[in-house]
Amino acid sequence: MLKRIVLVLITGILLTFSVGAATVSFYVVEAGINEEADKKMSESWENAFMDVFFDAGYIICNAPILRLEKTPSNILQVVDFKEASVSGIDYMLIVLLDYKAAMPSPQEVSFYIYKVTKREKVFESKIRQKQIPLRDDYNNMKSIARGFVPYIGE
């Protein structure tokens, strides 16, 4: 009988502690897209980030992939902080794929991390997209995504 009481007390104590995790929303934006572009590129970036952040223990969600004719002068023109805040999103991670001319893959990829509640930019980075063999492409994307995990805090 005493063992049951102790077991119930320990279980009760353990269940009362809640575990919190930041909610991260991913936005993938294609700018200057052309007909020759690889349509799976955007999905691959989105999946790579979602895989990495899910494995790191974050609550994740994504917005529909946005397609724009040209690169926005301000990335905040294409995301909605108000909707994100109401939805309980803590951080926004935006991946901007910038296509130039008739290139089938983006020439430049920009990354932005914003803390939604304060509307503040936490991090910004740009990389020039290299021609990477297809079998290494997804692993490279995941490697890049891992570099952003430390910027998301509770």
C-alpha atoms as a PDB file:
ATOM      1  CA  MET A   1       0.000   0.000   0.000  1.00  0.00           C
ATOM      2  CA  LEU A   2       2.810   2.400   0.886  1.00  0.00           C
ATOM      3  CA  LYS A   3       4.507   1.688  -2.440  1.00  0.00           C
ATOM      4  CA  ARG A   4       1.340   2.690  -4.324  1.00  0.00           C
ATOM      5  CA  ILE A   5       1.051   5.951  -2.417  1.00  0.00           C
ATOM      6  CA  VAL A   6       4.689   6.792  -3.078  1.00  0.00           C
ATOM      7  CA  LEU A   7       4.272   5.892  -6.765  1.00  0.00           C
ATOM      8  CA  VAL A   8       1.149   8.075  -7.054  1.00  0.00           C
ATOM      9  CA  LEU A   9       2.919  11.009  -5.350  1.00  0.00           C
ATOM     10  CA  ILE A  10       5.996  10.749  -7.598  1.00  0.00           C
ATOM     11  CA  THR A  11       3.840  10.460 -10.721  1.00  0.00           C
ATOM     12  CA  GLY A  12       1.745  13.434  -9.609  1.00  0.00           C
ATOM     13  CA  ILE A  13       4.828  15.582  -9.014  1.00  0.00           C
ATOM     14  CA  LEU A  14       6.340  14.662 -12.363  1.00  0.00           C
ATOM     15  CA  LEU A  15       3.112  15.402 -14.237  1.00  0.00           C
ATOM     16  CA  THR A  16       2.690  18.853 -12.698  1.00  0.00           C
ATOM     17  CA  PHE A  17       5.894  20.154 -14.250  1.00  0.00           C
ATOM     18  CA  SER A  18       5.212  21.398 -17.740  1.00  0.00           C
ATOM     19  CA  VAL A  19       7.798  21.371 -20.443  1.00  0.00           C
ATOM     20  CA  GLY A  20       7.891  24.460 -22.639  1.00  0.00           C
ATOM     21  CA  ALA A  21       9.212  24.737 -26.143  1.00  0.00           C
ATOM     22  CA  ALA A  22       9.346  27.663 -28.505  1.00  0.00           C
ATOM     23  CA  THR A  23       7.039  27.599 -31.504  1.00  0.00           C
ATOM     24  CA  VAL A  24       8.817  28.279 -34.781  1.00  0.00           C
ATOM     25  CA  SER A  25       7.022  29.114 -38.017  1.00  0.00           C
ATOM     26  CA  PHE A  26       8.791  28.705 -41.349  1.00  0.00           C
ATOM     27  CA  TYR A  27       8.188  30.912 -44.354  1.00  0.00           C
ATOM     28  CA  VAL A  28       9.759  29.988 -47.675  1.00  0.00           C
ATOM     29  CA  VAL A  29       9.607  32.789 -50.246  1.00  0.00           C
ATOM     30  CA  GLU A  30      10.558  32.376 -53.909  1.00  0.00           C
ATOM     31  CA  ALA A  31      11.451  35.658 -55.590  1.00  0.00           C
ATOM     32  CA  GLY A  32      12.024  36.118 -59.322  1.00  0.00           C
ATOM     33  CA  ILE A  33      11.001  32.558 -60.080  1.00  0.00           C
ATOM     34  CA  ASN A  34      11.074  31.400 -63.672  1.00  0.00           C
ATOM     35  CA  GLU A  35       9.568  28.451 -65.517  1.00  0.00           C
ATOM     36  CA  GLU A  36      12.846  26.511 -65.581  1.00  0.00           C
ATOM     37  CA  ALA A  37      13.210  26.635 -61.799  1.00  0.00           C
ATOM     38  CA  ASP A  38      13.260  23.396 -59.859  1.00  0.00           C
ATOM     39  CA  LYS A  39       9.928  23.439 -58.013  1.00  0.00           C
ATOM     40  CA  LYS A  40      11.165  20.970 -55.413  1.00  0.00           C
ATOM     41  CA  MET A  41      13.916  23.330 -54.228  1.00  0.00           C
ATOM     42  CA  SER A  42      11.524  25.312 -52.000  1.00  0.00           C
ATOM     43  CA  GLU A  43       9.991  22.179 -50.542  1.00  0.00           C
ATOM     44  CA  SER A  44      13.452  20.799 -49.813  1.00  0.00           C
ATOM     45  CA  TRP A  45      14.470  23.937 -47.887  1.00  0.00           C
ATOM     46  CA  GLU A  46      11.224  23.866 -45.933  1.00  0.00           C
ATOM     47  CA  ASN A  47      11.537  20.153 -45.120  1.00  0.00           C
ATOM     48  CA  ALA A  48      15.196  20.481 -44.112  1.00  0.00           C
ATOM     49  CA  PHE A  49      14.439  23.262 -41.626  1.00  0.00           C
ATOM     50  CA  MET A  50      11.366  21.512 -40.276  1.00  0.00           C
ATOM     51  CA  ASP A  51      13.276  18.238 -39.797  1.00  0.00           C
ATOM     52  CA  VAL A  52      16.147  19.911 -37.970  1.00  0.00           C
ATOM     53  CA  PHE A  53      14.001  22.061 -35.677  1.00  0.00           C
ATOM     54  CA  PHE A  54      11.609  19.212 -34.897  1.00  0.00           C
ATOM     55  CA  ASP A  55      14.566  16.999 -33.977  1.00  0.00           C
ATOM     56  CA  ALA A  56      15.868  19.834 -31.760  1.00  0.00           C
ATOM     57  CA  GLY A  57      12.607  19.750 -29.778  1.00  0.00           C
ATOM     58  CA  TYR A  58      10.792  22.817 -31.093  1.00  0.00           C
ATOM     59  CA  ILE A  59       7.131  23.057 -31.960  1.00  0.00           C
ATOM     60  CA  ILE A  60       7.059  23.784 -35.678  1.00  0.00           C
ATOM     61  CA  CYS A  61       4.598  24.975 -38.279  1.00  0.00           C
ATOM     62  CA  ASN A  62       4.852  26.330 -41.757  1.00  0.00           C
ATOM     63  CA  ALA A  63       3.162  28.877 -43.942  1.00  0.00           C
ATOM     64  CA  PRO A  64       2.366  28.225 -47.597  1.00  0.00           C
ATOM     65  CA  ILE A  65       5.313  28.787 -49.929  1.00  0.00           C
ATOM     66  CA  LEU A  66       5.065  32.312 -51.337  1.00  0.00           C
ATOM     67  CA  ARG A  67       5.962  33.106 -54.944  1.00  0.00           C
ATOM     68  CA  LEU A  68       6.848  36.686 -55.846  1.00  0.00           C
ATOM     69  CA  GLU A  69       7.795  38.200 -59.180  1.00  0.00           C
ATOM     70  CA  LYS A  70      10.686  40.142 -57.676  1.00  0.00           C
ATOM     71  CA  THR A  71      12.660  40.320 -54.465  1.00  0.00           C
ATOM     72  CA  PRO A  72      10.883  42.464 -51.870  1.00  0.00           C
ATOM     73  CA  SER A  73      12.731  45.541 -50.639  1.00  0.00           C
ATOM     74  CA  ASN A  74      11.689  44.622 -47.099  1.00  0.00           C
ATOM     75  CA  ILE A  75      11.021  40.985 -46.218  1.00  0.00           C
ATOM     76  CA  LEU A  76       8.522  42.073 -43.563  1.00  0.00           C
ATOM     77  CA  GLN A  77       6.164  43.088 -46.394  1.00  0.00           C
ATOM     78  CA  VAL A  78       5.413  39.426 -47.076  1.00  0.00           C
ATOM     79  CA  VAL A  79       4.907  38.048 -43.534  1.00  0.00           C
ATOM     80  CA  ASP A  80       2.121  38.771 -41.090  1.00  0.00           C
ATOM     81  CA  PHE A  81       3.309  39.398 -37.517  1.00  0.00           C
ATOM     82  CA  LYS A  82      -0.218  39.950 -36.275  1.00  0.00           C
ATOM     83  CA  GLU A  83      -1.422  36.545 -37.463  1.00  0.00           C
ATOM     84  CA  ALA A  84       1.717  34.882 -36.100  1.00  0.00           C
ATOM     85  CA  SER A  85       1.260  36.525 -32.713  1.00  0.00           C
ATOM     86  CA  VAL A  86      -2.394  35.498 -32.490  1.00  0.00           C
ATOM     87  CA  SER A  87      -1.431  31.956 -33.497  1.00  0.00           C
ATOM     88  CA  GLY A  88       1.066  31.718 -30.620  1.00  0.00           C
ATOM     89  CA  ILE A  89       4.192  31.729 -32.779  1.00  0.00           C
ATOM     90  CA  ASP A  90       7.349  32.679 -30.853  1.00  0.00           C
ATOM     91  CA  TYR A  91       9.800  32.878 -33.772  1.00  0.00           C
ATOM     92  CA  MET A  92       9.597  33.262 -37.531  1.00  0.00           C
ATOM     93  CA  LEU A  93      12.290  31.833 -39.731  1.00  0.00           C
ATOM     94  CA  ILE A  94      12.128  33.136 -43.292  1.00  0.00           C
ATOM     95  CA  VAL A  95      14.037  31.570 -46.185  1.00  0.00           C
ATOM     96  CA  LEU A  96      14.156  33.811 -49.274  1.00  0.00           C
ATOM     97  CA  LEU A  97      15.178  32.013 -52.465  1.00  0.00           C
ATOM     98  CA  ASP A  98      16.296  34.673 -54.932  1.00  0.00           C
ATOM     99  CA  TYR A  99      16.242  33.518 -58.540  1.00  0.00           C
ATOM    100  CA  LYS A 100      18.061  35.538 -61.199  1.00  0.00           C
ATOM    101  CA  ALA A 101      17.639  35.473 -64.976  1.00  0.00           C
ATOM    102  CA  ALA A 102      16.976  31.991 -66.335  1.00  0.00           C
ATOM    103  CA  MET A 103      18.735  30.054 -63.587  1.00  0.00           C
ATOM    104  CA  PRO A 104      17.035  26.786 -62.544  1.00  0.00           C
ATOM    105  CA  SER A 105      18.163  27.208 -58.923  1.00  0.00           C
ATOM    106  CA  PRO A 106      18.309  30.285 -56.701  1.00  0.00           C
ATOM    107  CA  GLN A 107      21.417  32.403 -57.041  1.00  0.00           C
ATOM    108  CA  GLU A 108      21.210  33.636 -53.456  1.00  0.00           C
ATOM    109  CA  VAL A 109      19.452  32.363 -50.345  1.00  0.00           C
ATOM    110  CA  SER A 110      18.693  34.754 -47.476  1.00  0.00           C
ATOM    111  CA  PHE A 111      17.698  33.727 -43.969  1.00  0.00           C
ATOM    112  CA  TYR A 112      15.903  35.859 -41.396  1.00  0.00           C
ATOM    113  CA  ILE A 113      14.911  35.008 -37.836  1.00  0.00           C
ATOM    114  CA  TYR A 114      12.436  37.258 -36.018  1.00  0.00           C
ATOM    115  CA  LYS A 115      11.114  37.110 -32.472  1.00  0.00           C
ATOM    116  CA  VAL A 116       7.398  37.660 -33.016  1.00  0.00           C
ATOM    117  CA  THR A 117       6.383  39.212 -29.677  1.00  0.00           C
ATOM    118  CA  LYS A 118       8.997  41.969 -29.906  1.00  0.00           C
ATOM    119  CA  ARG A 119       9.013  42.189 -33.715  1.00  0.00           C
ATOM    120  CA  GLU A 120      12.780  42.173 -33.542  1.00  0.00           C
ATOM    121  CA  LYS A 121      15.271  40.641 -35.914  1.00  0.00           C
ATOM    122  CA  VAL A 122      17.347  38.027 -34.130  1.00  0.00           C
ATOM    123  CA  PHE A 123      19.543  37.018 -37.049  1.00  0.00           C
ATOM    124  CA  GLU A 124      20.075  37.612 -40.764  1.00  0.00           C
ATOM    125  CA  SER A 125      22.363  35.819 -43.188  1.00  0.00           C
ATOM    126  CA  LYS A 126      22.857  35.330 -46.932  1.00  0.00           C
ATOM    127  CA  ILE A 127      24.601  32.634 -48.874  1.00  0.00           C
ATOM    128  CA  ARG A 128      25.335  32.273 -52.551  1.00  0.00           C
ATOM    129  CA  GLN A 129      23.891  29.046 -53.802  1.00  0.00           C
ATOM    130  CA  LYS A 130      26.485  26.680 -55.237  1.00  0.00           C
ATOM    131  CA  GLN A 131      25.887  23.933 -57.722  1.00  0.00           C
ATOM    132  CA  ILE A 132      25.692  20.987 -55.359  1.00  0.00           C
ATOM    133  CA  PRO A 133      25.172  17.403 -56.530  1.00  0.00           C
ATOM    134  CA  LEU A 134      21.524  16.466 -55.933  1.00  0.00           C
ATOM    135  CA  ARG A 135      22.338  13.668 -53.490  1.00  0.00           C
ATOM    136  CA  ASP A 136      24.238  16.129 -51.264  1.00  0.00           C
ATOM    137  CA  ASP A 137      21.777  18.996 -51.618  1.00  0.00           C
ATOM    138  CA  TYR A 138      19.328  17.992 -48.876  1.00  0.00           C
ATOM    139  CA  ASN A 139      22.104  17.128 -46.421  1.00  0.00           C
ATOM    140  CA  ASN A 140      23.693  20.517 -47.105  1.00  0.00           C
ATOM    141  CA  MET A 141      20.362  22.245 -46.420  1.00  0.00           C
ATOM    142  CA  LYS A 142      20.004  20.385 -43.129  1.00  0.00           C
ATOM    143  CA  SER A 143      23.547  21.337 -42.181  1.00  0.00           C
ATOM    144  CA  ILE A 144      22.737  24.997 -42.823  1.00  0.00           C
ATOM    145  CA  ALA A 145      19.502  24.673 -40.813  1.00  0.00           C
ATOM    146  CA  ARG A 146      21.411  23.260 -37.823  1.00  0.00           C
ATOM    147  CA  GLY A 147      23.381  26.494 -37.702  1.00  0.00           C
ATOM    148  CA  PHE A 148      20.198  28.435 -36.911  1.00  0.00           C
ATOM    149  CA  VAL A 149      19.007  26.326 -33.964  1.00  0.00           C
ATOM    150  CA  PRO A 150      21.067  28.249 -31.346  1.00  0.00           C
ATOM    151  CA  TYR A 151      19.341  31.510 -32.331  1.00  0.00           C
ATOM    152  CA  ILE A 152      15.963  30.237 -31.195  1.00  0.00           C
ATOM    153  CA  GLY A 153      15.588  30.559 -27.439  1.00  0.00           C
ATOM    154  CA  GLU A 154      12.847  30.217 -24.920  1.00  0.00           C
END
